[in-house]
Amino acid sequence: FLVTASLTFIVGRSVVSAGDARSPTKRARNVILYVIDDLGWNDVSYQGAEFATPNIDQLANAGIKLGQYYVNRICSPTRSSIMAGRYAYNMGLDGPVIGNGHDYGLPLNHTTIGDAFKSGGYSTHAIGKWDLGMYNWESTPTYRGFDTFLGFYN
């Protein structure tokens, strides 16, 4: 079982405000989205792997599984599609991994999943490998909708 790198988005929200139409004691759901490079369909035991992955299985069974999603052949295009909700090709990001020295990244005019959750009142955090551009500060996670980032850009 080999996982080369991952990016985890964690978003959470505390008690809903009293002005909300919902009960003030009702809590919004927390969201954890794992993006794991080189993890195949059959690489977790709940999908039939020949080895046990009990912690992953427990997380998956307690939440909602994204069971049908098409990825690109390398990480940057896949990550950009998940972050912006658009095909990487339509953003000009279907090429190589966005690494150190590249003068581009996820286009700044696209709303990210972090931006969307923040506008909904969530706190947002990203952990792991970014791979979506680092040629200027505006391309890094804390400028793209995440309150905090722990990891590496490339």
C-alpha atoms as a PDB file:
ATOM      1  CA  PHE A   1       0.000   0.000   0.000  1.00  0.00           C
ATOM      2  CA  LEU A   2       1.770   3.110  -1.219  1.00  0.00           C
ATOM      3  CA  VAL A   3       0.525   6.653  -0.801  1.00  0.00           C
ATOM      4  CA  THR A   4       2.959   9.213  -2.151  1.00  0.00           C
ATOM      5  CA  ALA A   5       1.346  12.365  -0.792  1.00  0.00           C
ATOM      6  CA  SER A   6      -1.999  13.717   0.185  1.00  0.00           C
ATOM      7  CA  LEU A   7      -3.865  16.926   0.768  1.00  0.00           C
ATOM      8  CA  THR A   8      -6.561  17.067   3.387  1.00  0.00           C
ATOM      9  CA  PHE A   9      -9.113  19.840   3.587  1.00  0.00           C
ATOM     10  CA  ILE A  10     -10.768  20.221   6.974  1.00  0.00           C
ATOM     11  CA  VAL A  11     -13.683  22.561   7.395  1.00  0.00           C
ATOM     12  CA  GLY A  12     -15.730  22.945  10.521  1.00  0.00           C
ATOM     13  CA  ARG A  13     -18.334  25.213  11.951  1.00  0.00           C
ATOM     14  CA  SER A  14     -19.509  25.626  15.508  1.00  0.00           C
ATOM     15  CA  VAL A  15     -23.014  26.415  16.702  1.00  0.00           C
ATOM     16  CA  VAL A  16     -25.305  27.975  14.115  1.00  0.00           C
ATOM     17  CA  SER A  17     -26.029  31.637  14.900  1.00  0.00           C
ATOM     18  CA  ALA A  18     -29.253  32.514  16.718  1.00  0.00           C
ATOM     19  CA  GLY A  19     -30.455  34.515  13.692  1.00  0.00           C
ATOM     20  CA  ASP A  20     -30.402  31.376  11.560  1.00  0.00           C
ATOM     21  CA  ALA A  21     -33.769  29.787  10.734  1.00  0.00           C
ATOM     22  CA  ARG A  22     -32.484  26.505  12.129  1.00  0.00           C
ATOM     23  CA  SER A  23     -32.381  25.758  15.819  1.00  0.00           C
ATOM     24  CA  PRO A  24     -29.502  27.602  17.554  1.00  0.00           C
ATOM     25  CA  THR A  25     -28.464  24.325  19.161  1.00  0.00           C
ATOM     26  CA  LYS A  26     -28.169  22.442  15.863  1.00  0.00           C
ATOM     27  CA  ARG A  27     -24.601  22.066  14.708  1.00  0.00           C
ATOM     28  CA  ALA A  28     -23.433  22.215  11.120  1.00  0.00           C
ATOM     29  CA  ARG A  29     -21.576  19.155   9.943  1.00  0.00           C
ATOM     30  CA  ASN A  30     -17.819  19.107   9.834  1.00  0.00           C
ATOM     31  CA  VAL A  31     -16.287  18.168   6.487  1.00  0.00           C
ATOM     32  CA  ILE A  32     -12.996  16.360   5.893  1.00  0.00           C
ATOM     33  CA  LEU A  33     -11.971  15.796   2.275  1.00  0.00           C
ATOM     34  CA  TYR A  34      -8.960  13.587   1.579  1.00  0.00           C
ATOM     35  CA  VAL A  35      -7.184  13.865  -1.774  1.00  0.00           C
ATOM     36  CA  ILE A  36      -4.658  11.036  -1.927  1.00  0.00           C
ATOM     37  CA  ASP A  37      -2.234  10.607  -4.820  1.00  0.00           C
ATOM     38  CA  ASP A  38      -1.870   7.123  -6.304  1.00  0.00           C
ATOM     39  CA  LEU A  39      -4.669   5.578  -4.254  1.00  0.00           C
ATOM     40  CA  GLY A  40      -6.590   3.184  -6.463  1.00  0.00           C
ATOM     41  CA  TRP A  41     -10.204   2.033  -6.200  1.00  0.00           C
ATOM     42  CA  ASN A  42      -9.181  -1.341  -4.813  1.00  0.00           C
ATOM     43  CA  ASP A  43      -6.536   0.020  -2.409  1.00  0.00           C
ATOM     44  CA  VAL A  44      -8.845   0.197   0.616  1.00  0.00           C
ATOM     45  CA  SER A  45     -10.433  -2.790   2.286  1.00  0.00           C
ATOM     46  CA  TYR A  46     -14.018  -1.500   2.036  1.00  0.00           C
ATOM     47  CA  GLN A  47     -13.548  -1.765  -1.749  1.00  0.00           C
ATOM     48  CA  GLY A  48     -12.050  -5.246  -1.586  1.00  0.00           C
ATOM     49  CA  ALA A  49      -8.313  -4.744  -1.021  1.00  0.00           C
ATOM     50  CA  GLU A  50      -6.366  -7.837  -0.013  1.00  0.00           C
ATOM     51  CA  PHE A  51      -5.183  -6.054   3.130  1.00  0.00           C
ATOM     52  CA  ALA A  52      -6.946  -4.284   5.971  1.00  0.00           C
ATOM     53  CA  THR A  53      -7.376  -0.510   6.152  1.00  0.00           C
ATOM     54  CA  PRO A  54      -9.579  -0.283   9.255  1.00  0.00           C
ATOM     55  CA  ASN A  55      -9.063   3.418  10.014  1.00  0.00           C
ATOM     56  CA  ILE A  56      -9.840   4.497   6.466  1.00  0.00           C
ATOM     57  CA  ASP A  57     -12.831   2.143   6.432  1.00  0.00           C
ATOM     58  CA  GLN A  58     -14.149   3.598   9.689  1.00  0.00           C
ATOM     59  CA  LEU A  59     -13.881   7.170   8.374  1.00  0.00           C
ATOM     60  CA  ALA A  60     -15.526   6.223   5.087  1.00  0.00           C
ATOM     61  CA  ASN A  61     -18.356   4.273   6.692  1.00  0.00           C
ATOM     62  CA  ALA A  62     -19.160   7.108   9.104  1.00  0.00           C
ATOM     63  CA  GLY A  63     -19.271   9.705   6.338  1.00  0.00           C
ATOM     64  CA  ILE A  64     -20.173  10.166   2.708  1.00  0.00           C
ATOM     65  CA  LYS A  65     -18.011   8.414   0.108  1.00  0.00           C
ATOM     66  CA  LEU A  66     -17.286  10.016  -3.231  1.00  0.00           C
ATOM     67  CA  GLY A  67     -17.702   6.821  -5.224  1.00  0.00           C
ATOM     68  CA  GLN A  68     -17.435   8.079  -8.778  1.00  0.00           C
ATOM     69  CA  TYR A  69     -14.923  10.732  -9.660  1.00  0.00           C
ATOM     70  CA  TYR A  70     -12.538  10.934 -12.568  1.00  0.00           C
ATOM     71  CA  VAL A  71      -9.007  12.068 -11.903  1.00  0.00           C
ATOM     72  CA  ASN A  72      -6.210  13.231 -14.136  1.00  0.00           C
ATOM     73  CA  ARG A  73      -3.008  11.304 -14.636  1.00  0.00           C
ATOM     74  CA  ILE A  74      -1.014  13.546 -12.274  1.00  0.00           C
ATOM     75  CA  CYS A  75      -1.766  15.453  -9.087  1.00  0.00           C
ATOM     76  CA  SER A  76      -1.896  19.185  -9.977  1.00  0.00           C
ATOM     77  CA  PRO A  77      -4.714  18.872 -12.540  1.00  0.00           C
ATOM     78  CA  THR A  78      -6.749  16.647 -10.203  1.00  0.00           C
ATOM     79  CA  ARG A  79      -6.242  18.977  -7.248  1.00  0.00           C
ATOM     80  CA  SER A  80      -7.174  22.028  -9.320  1.00  0.00           C
ATOM     81  CA  SER A  81     -10.409  20.344 -10.459  1.00  0.00           C
ATOM     82  CA  ILE A  82     -11.392  19.500  -6.886  1.00  0.00           C
ATOM     83  CA  MET A  83     -10.433  22.949  -5.594  1.00  0.00           C
ATOM     84  CA  ALA A  84     -12.268  24.944  -8.288  1.00  0.00           C
ATOM     85  CA  GLY A  85     -14.985  22.532  -9.426  1.00  0.00           C
ATOM     86  CA  ARG A  86     -13.878  22.839 -13.058  1.00  0.00           C
ATOM     87  CA  TYR A  87     -12.056  20.656 -15.526  1.00  0.00           C
ATOM     88  CA  ALA A  88      -8.312  21.274 -15.351  1.00  0.00           C
ATOM     89  CA  TYR A  89      -8.222  21.572 -19.133  1.00  0.00           C
ATOM     90  CA  ASN A  90     -10.611  24.534 -19.033  1.00  0.00           C
ATOM     91  CA  MET A  91      -8.317  26.334 -16.577  1.00  0.00           C
ATOM     92  CA  GLY A  92      -5.166  25.641 -18.598  1.00  0.00           C
ATOM     93  CA  LEU A  93      -3.855  23.249 -15.928  1.00  0.00           C
ATOM     94  CA  ASP A  94      -3.862  19.914 -17.727  1.00  0.00           C
ATOM     95  CA  GLY A  95      -0.079  19.934 -18.186  1.00  0.00           C
ATOM     96  CA  PRO A  96       2.729  19.056 -15.799  1.00  0.00           C
ATOM     97  CA  VAL A  97       2.781  19.193 -12.026  1.00  0.00           C
ATOM     98  CA  ILE A  98       2.915  22.817 -10.872  1.00  0.00           C
ATOM     99  CA  GLY A  99       6.273  22.866  -9.155  1.00  0.00           C
ATOM    100  CA  ASN A 100       8.867  25.248  -7.853  1.00  0.00           C
ATOM    101  CA  GLY A 101       9.896  27.691 -10.549  1.00  0.00           C
ATOM    102  CA  HIS A 102       6.631  27.634 -12.492  1.00  0.00           C
ATOM    103  CA  ASP A 103       5.155  31.091 -12.933  1.00  0.00           C
ATOM    104  CA  TYR A 104       1.513  29.998 -12.858  1.00  0.00           C
ATOM    105  CA  GLY A 105      -0.971  28.166 -10.694  1.00  0.00           C
ATOM    106  CA  LEU A 106      -4.672  27.726 -10.064  1.00  0.00           C
ATOM    107  CA  PRO A 107      -6.107  30.885 -11.684  1.00  0.00           C
ATOM    108  CA  LEU A 108      -6.770  33.564  -9.088  1.00  0.00           C
ATOM    109  CA  ASN A 109     -10.161  34.425 -10.603  1.00  0.00           C
ATOM    110  CA  HIS A 110     -11.620  31.010  -9.685  1.00  0.00           C
ATOM    111  CA  THR A 111     -13.455  30.492  -6.400  1.00  0.00           C
ATOM    112  CA  THR A 112     -12.015  27.585  -4.449  1.00  0.00           C
ATOM    113  CA  ILE A 113     -13.731  25.059  -2.221  1.00  0.00           C
ATOM    114  CA  GLY A 114     -12.058  26.851   0.695  1.00  0.00           C
ATOM    115  CA  ASP A 115     -13.611  30.171  -0.398  1.00  0.00           C
ATOM    116  CA  ALA A 116     -17.043  28.547  -0.695  1.00  0.00           C
ATOM    117  CA  PHE A 117     -16.917  26.999   2.777  1.00  0.00           C
ATOM    118  CA  LYS A 118     -15.639  30.263   4.316  1.00  0.00           C
ATOM    119  CA  SER A 119     -18.550  32.172   2.780  1.00  0.00           C
ATOM    120  CA  GLY A 120     -20.823  29.637   4.481  1.00  0.00           C
ATOM    121  CA  GLY A 121     -19.350  30.441   7.886  1.00  0.00           C
ATOM    122  CA  TYR A 122     -16.928  27.530   8.161  1.00  0.00           C
ATOM    123  CA  SER A 123     -13.359  27.640   9.395  1.00  0.00           C
ATOM    124  CA  THR A 124     -11.066  26.060   6.821  1.00  0.00           C
ATOM    125  CA  HIS A 125      -7.742  24.274   7.062  1.00  0.00           C
ATOM    126  CA  ALA A 126      -5.525  22.499   4.531  1.00  0.00           C
ATOM    127  CA  ILE A 127      -2.902  19.920   5.441  1.00  0.00           C
ATOM    128  CA  GLY A 128      -0.411  18.222   3.123  1.00  0.00           C
ATOM    129  CA  LYS A 129       0.877  18.877  -0.380  1.00  0.00           C
ATOM    130  CA  TRP A 130      -0.549  21.945  -2.185  1.00  0.00           C
ATOM    131  CA  ASP A 131       0.777  21.593  -5.765  1.00  0.00           C
ATOM    132  CA  LEU A 132      -1.443  24.409  -7.074  1.00  0.00           C
ATOM    133  CA  GLY A 133       1.082  27.204  -7.473  1.00  0.00           C
ATOM    134  CA  MET A 134       3.451  29.156  -5.313  1.00  0.00           C
ATOM    135  CA  TYR A 135       4.853  31.826  -7.609  1.00  0.00           C
ATOM    136  CA  ASN A 136       3.259  34.569  -5.489  1.00  0.00           C
ATOM    137  CA  TRP A 137       1.620  34.702  -2.055  1.00  0.00           C
ATOM    138  CA  GLU A 138      -1.845  35.059  -3.598  1.00  0.00           C
ATOM    139  CA  SER A 139      -1.467  31.538  -5.042  1.00  0.00           C
ATOM    140  CA  THR A 140      -0.845  29.878  -1.689  1.00  0.00           C
ATOM    141  CA  PRO A 141      -3.490  28.203   0.503  1.00  0.00           C
ATOM    142  CA  THR A 142      -3.999  30.955   3.079  1.00  0.00           C
ATOM    143  CA  TYR A 143      -4.853  33.351   0.235  1.00  0.00           C
ATOM    144  CA  ARG A 144      -7.105  30.784  -1.494  1.00  0.00           C
ATOM    145  CA  GLY A 145      -9.747  30.335   1.174  1.00  0.00           C
ATOM    146  CA  PHE A 146      -7.945  28.467   3.945  1.00  0.00           C
ATOM    147  CA  ASP A 147      -7.461  29.926   7.416  1.00  0.00           C
ATOM    148  CA  THR A 148      -4.397  27.780   8.013  1.00  0.00           C
ATOM    149  CA  PHE A 149      -2.063  25.540   6.033  1.00  0.00           C
ATOM    150  CA  LEU A 150       0.344  22.923   7.337  1.00  0.00           C
ATOM    151  CA  GLY A 151       2.397  21.208   4.680  1.00  0.00           C
ATOM    152  CA  PHE A 152       4.496  21.964   1.663  1.00  0.00           C
ATOM    153  CA  TYR A 153       3.741  23.841  -1.532  1.00  0.00           C
ATOM    154  CA  ASN A 154       5.305  21.261  -3.881  1.00  0.00           C
END
